[in-house]
C-alpha atoms as a PDB file:
ATOM      1  CA  GLN A   1      98.165  94.544 107.848  1.00  0.00           C
ATOM      2  CA  VAL A   2     101.077  94.879 105.451  1.00  0.00           C
ATOM      3  CA  GLN A   3     104.718  94.926 106.493  1.00  0.00           C
ATOM      4  CA  LEU A   4     107.321  96.431 104.164  1.00  0.00           C
ATOM      5  CA  VAL A   5     111.102  96.024 104.345  1.00  0.00           C
ATOM      6  CA  GLU A   6     113.482  97.813 101.962  1.00  0.00           C
ATOM      7  CA  SER A   7     116.955  96.648 101.008  1.00  0.00           C
ATOM      8  CA  GLY A   8     119.595  97.231  98.343  1.00  0.00           C
ATOM      9  CA  GLY A   9     120.781 100.719  99.208  1.00  0.00           C
ATOM     10  CA  GLY A  10     124.439 101.640  99.308  1.00  0.00           C
ATOM     11  CA  LEU A  11     127.195 103.892  98.001  1.00  0.00           C
ATOM     12  CA  VAL A  12     127.751 104.247  94.255  1.00  0.00           C
ATOM     13  CA  GLN A  13     129.547 106.631  91.928  1.00  0.00           C
ATOM     14  CA  ALA A  14     127.643 109.025  89.706  1.00  0.00           C
ATOM     15  CA  GLY A  15     126.486 107.230  86.577  1.00  0.00           C
ATOM     16  CA  GLY A  16     126.213 103.915  88.375  1.00  0.00           C
ATOM     17  CA  SER A  17     123.194 101.744  89.135  1.00  0.00           C
ATOM     18  CA  LEU A  18     121.416 100.225  92.118  1.00  0.00           C
ATOM     19  CA  ARG A  19     118.399  97.970  92.490  1.00  0.00           C
ATOM     20  CA  LEU A  20     116.211  98.465  95.539  1.00  0.00           C
ATOM     21  CA  THR A  21     113.929  95.732  96.829  1.00  0.00           C
ATOM     22  CA  CYS A  22     110.811  96.040  98.977  1.00  0.00           C
ATOM     23  CA  ALA A  23     109.682  92.779 100.544  1.00  0.00           C
ATOM     24  CA  ALA A  24     106.018  92.823 101.553  1.00  0.00           C
ATOM     25  CA  SER A  25     104.255  90.454 103.923  1.00  0.00           C
ATOM     26  CA  GLY A  26     100.789  90.143 105.362  1.00  0.00           C
ATOM     27  CA  ARG A  27      97.492  90.976 103.737  1.00  0.00           C
ATOM     28  CA  THR A  28      97.643  92.634 100.337  1.00  0.00           C
ATOM     29  CA  PHE A  29      94.599  93.716  98.353  1.00  0.00           C
ATOM     30  CA  SER A  30      94.152  93.878  94.607  1.00  0.00           C
ATOM     31  CA  THR A  31      93.198  97.562  94.815  1.00  0.00           C
ATOM     32  CA  TYR A  32      96.447  98.589  96.534  1.00  0.00           C
ATOM     33  CA  LYS A  33      98.939 100.969  95.024  1.00  0.00           C
ATOM     34  CA  MET A  34     102.623 100.612  95.853  1.00  0.00           C
ATOM     35  CA  ALA A  35     105.215 103.322  95.561  1.00  0.00           C
ATOM     36  CA  TRP A  36     108.748 104.457  96.237  1.00  0.00           C
ATOM     37  CA  PHE A  37     109.361 107.762  97.999  1.00  0.00           C
ATOM     38  CA  ARG A  38     112.631 109.410  98.927  1.00  0.00           C
ATOM     39  CA  GLN A  39     113.764 112.058 101.374  1.00  0.00           C
ATOM     40  CA  ALA A  40     117.082 113.864 101.589  1.00  0.00           C
ATOM     41  CA  PRO A  41     118.192 115.651 104.789  1.00  0.00           C
ATOM     42  CA  GLY A  42     116.365 118.952 105.194  1.00  0.00           C
ATOM     43  CA  LYS A  43     114.146 118.313 102.184  1.00  0.00           C
ATOM     44  CA  GLU A  44     110.539 117.278 101.653  1.00  0.00           C
ATOM     45  CA  ARG A  45     109.714 113.656 101.012  1.00  0.00           C
ATOM     46  CA  GLU A  46     108.855 113.172  97.343  1.00  0.00           C
ATOM     47  CA  LEU A  47     107.262 110.521  95.173  1.00  0.00           C
ATOM     48  CA  VAL A  48     109.728 108.613  93.024  1.00  0.00           C
ATOM     49  CA  ALA A  49     107.496 106.042  91.318  1.00  0.00           C
ATOM     50  CA  ALA A  50     104.183 104.242  91.803  1.00  0.00           C
ATOM     51  CA  ILE A  51     102.446 101.149  90.459  1.00  0.00           C
ATOM     52  CA  LEU A  52      99.128  99.373  91.017  1.00  0.00           C
ATOM     53  CA  TRP A  53      99.524  95.940  92.579  1.00  0.00           C
ATOM     54  CA  SER A  54      96.917  94.459  90.240  1.00  0.00           C
ATOM     55  CA  GLY A  55      97.995  96.347  87.134  1.00  0.00           C
ATOM     56  CA  SER A  56     101.046  97.335  85.131  1.00  0.00           C
ATOM     57  CA  GLY A  57     100.612 101.077  84.680  1.00  0.00           C
ATOM     58  CA  THR A  58     103.319 103.205  86.266  1.00  0.00           C
ATOM     59  CA  ALA A  59     103.961 106.813  87.206  1.00  0.00           C
ATOM     60  CA  TYR A  60     107.276 108.552  87.839  1.00  0.00           C
ATOM     61  CA  GLY A  61     108.484 111.771  89.326  1.00  0.00           C
ATOM     62  CA  ASP A  62     109.892 114.189  86.767  1.00  0.00           C
ATOM     63  CA  SER A  63     113.406 114.045  88.198  1.00  0.00           C
ATOM     64  CA  VAL A  64     113.747 110.269  87.703  1.00  0.00           C
ATOM     65  CA  LYS A  65     111.729 109.709  84.537  1.00  0.00           C
ATOM     66  CA  GLY A  66     113.741 107.741  81.998  1.00  0.00           C
ATOM     67  CA  ARG A  67     116.342 106.674  84.575  1.00  0.00           C
ATOM     68  CA  PHE A  68     114.389 104.683  87.185  1.00  0.00           C
ATOM     69  CA  THR A  69     112.036 101.751  86.638  1.00  0.00           C
ATOM     70  CA  ILE A  70     109.481 100.416  89.113  1.00  0.00           C
ATOM     71  CA  SER A  71     108.390  96.788  88.856  1.00  0.00           C
ATOM     72  CA  LYS A  72     106.821  94.068  90.980  1.00  0.00           C
ATOM     73  CA  ASP A  73     106.585  90.333  91.517  1.00  0.00           C
ATOM     74  CA  ASN A  74     103.037  89.684  92.705  1.00  0.00           C
ATOM     75  CA  ALA A  75     103.606  86.009  93.489  1.00  0.00           C
ATOM     76  CA  ASN A  76     106.463  86.842  95.856  1.00  0.00           C
ATOM     77  CA  TYR A  77     105.025  90.104  97.219  1.00  0.00           C
ATOM     78  CA  THR A  78     108.074  92.044  96.115  1.00  0.00           C
ATOM     79  CA  LEU A  79     108.496  95.550  94.719  1.00  0.00           C
ATOM     80  CA  TYR A  80     111.624  96.749  92.908  1.00  0.00           C
ATOM     81  CA  LEU A  81     113.185 100.028  91.907  1.00  0.00           C
ATOM     82  CA  GLN A  82     115.909  99.836  89.277  1.00  0.00           C
ATOM     83  CA  MET A  83     117.958 103.032  89.383  1.00  0.00           C
ATOM     84  CA  ASN A  84     120.291 103.830  86.491  1.00  0.00           C
ATOM     85  CA  SER A  85     122.415 106.860  85.617  1.00  0.00           C
ATOM     86  CA  LEU A  86     122.472 107.878  89.255  1.00  0.00           C
ATOM     87  CA  ARG A  87     123.286 111.463  90.159  1.00  0.00           C
ATOM     88  CA  PRO A  88     124.476 113.014  93.429  1.00  0.00           C
ATOM     89  CA  GLU A  89     121.066 114.655  93.804  1.00  0.00           C
ATOM     90  CA  ASP A  90     119.523 111.174  93.990  1.00  0.00           C
ATOM     91  CA  THR A  91     121.154 110.766  97.404  1.00  0.00           C
ATOM     92  CA  ALA A  92     118.367 110.158  99.924  1.00  0.00           C
ATOM     93  CA  VAL A  93     116.649 107.613 102.108  1.00  0.00           C
ATOM     94  CA  TYR A  94     114.303 105.612  99.909  1.00  0.00           C
ATOM     95  CA  TYR A  95     111.018 104.322 101.334  1.00  0.00           C
ATOM     96  CA  CYS A  96     108.579 101.714 100.116  1.00  0.00           C
ATOM     97  CA  ALA A  97     104.895 102.482 100.713  1.00  0.00           C
ATOM     98  CA  ALA A  98     101.493 100.907 100.078  1.00  0.00           C
ATOM     99  CA  GLY A  99      97.920 102.114 100.279  1.00  0.00           C
ATOM    100  CA  SER A 100      94.380 101.539  99.117  1.00  0.00           C
ATOM    101  CA  ARG A 101      94.080 103.815  96.090  1.00  0.00           C
ATOM    102  CA  PRO A 102      95.988 106.750  97.656  1.00  0.00           C
ATOM    103  CA  LEU A 103      96.047 110.124  95.918  1.00  0.00           C
ATOM    104  CA  TYR A 104      98.353 111.900  98.381  1.00  0.00           C
ATOM    105  CA  MET A 105     101.403 110.853 100.369  1.00  0.00           C
ATOM    106  CA  LYS A 106      99.590 110.844 103.725  1.00  0.00           C
ATOM    107  CA  GLU A 107      97.020 108.417 102.321  1.00  0.00           C
ATOM    108  CA  TYR A 108      99.592 105.637 102.018  1.00  0.00           C
ATOM    109  CA  ASP A 109      98.803 103.345 104.946  1.00  0.00           C
ATOM    110  CA  TYR A 110     101.974 101.268 105.203  1.00  0.00           C
ATOM    111  CA  TRP A 111     105.632 102.303 105.124  1.00  0.00           C
ATOM    112  CA  GLY A 112     108.989 100.627 105.339  1.00  0.00           C
ATOM    113  CA  GLN A 113     111.799 102.064 107.448  1.00  0.00           C
ATOM    114  CA  GLY A 114     113.894 103.132 104.478  1.00  0.00           C
ATOM    115  CA  THR A 115     117.210 102.300 102.857  1.00  0.00           C
ATOM    116  CA  GLN A 116     120.020 104.807 102.316  1.00  0.00           C
ATOM    117  CA  VAL A 117     121.250 105.559  98.804  1.00  0.00           C
ATOM    118  CA  THR A 118     124.377 107.696  98.477  1.00  0.00           C
ATOM    119  CA  VAL A 119     125.735 108.795  95.099  1.00  0.00           C
ATOM    120  CA  SER A 120     129.227 110.279  95.010  1.00  0.00           C
ATOM    121  CA  SER A 121     130.391 112.720  92.354  1.00  0.00           C
END
């Protein structure tokens, strides 16, 4: 079992920055992938960024590429999302997720409860 808790959300002006944290606890496997998703009201949940727990390769959604950075601290079971140059369209609830080599969103086995990010224009 893996438990995930997000923090760091809040209200910022357009062009500002936030750093989200996902604290993981419980059993974590070397084959797991971890990711950030987001969902705005009335919209589909979308992948923001993903990273392998045992590796350093990353993947980003097109809308955040070049602005957001995913990183991790394996020793402390912590995942981060550094968000720069924030735009109003980045406003959403951001979720941390983990799974054993998932290819699709529904294949992520563990989810946090989300943290709200609001970007004002």
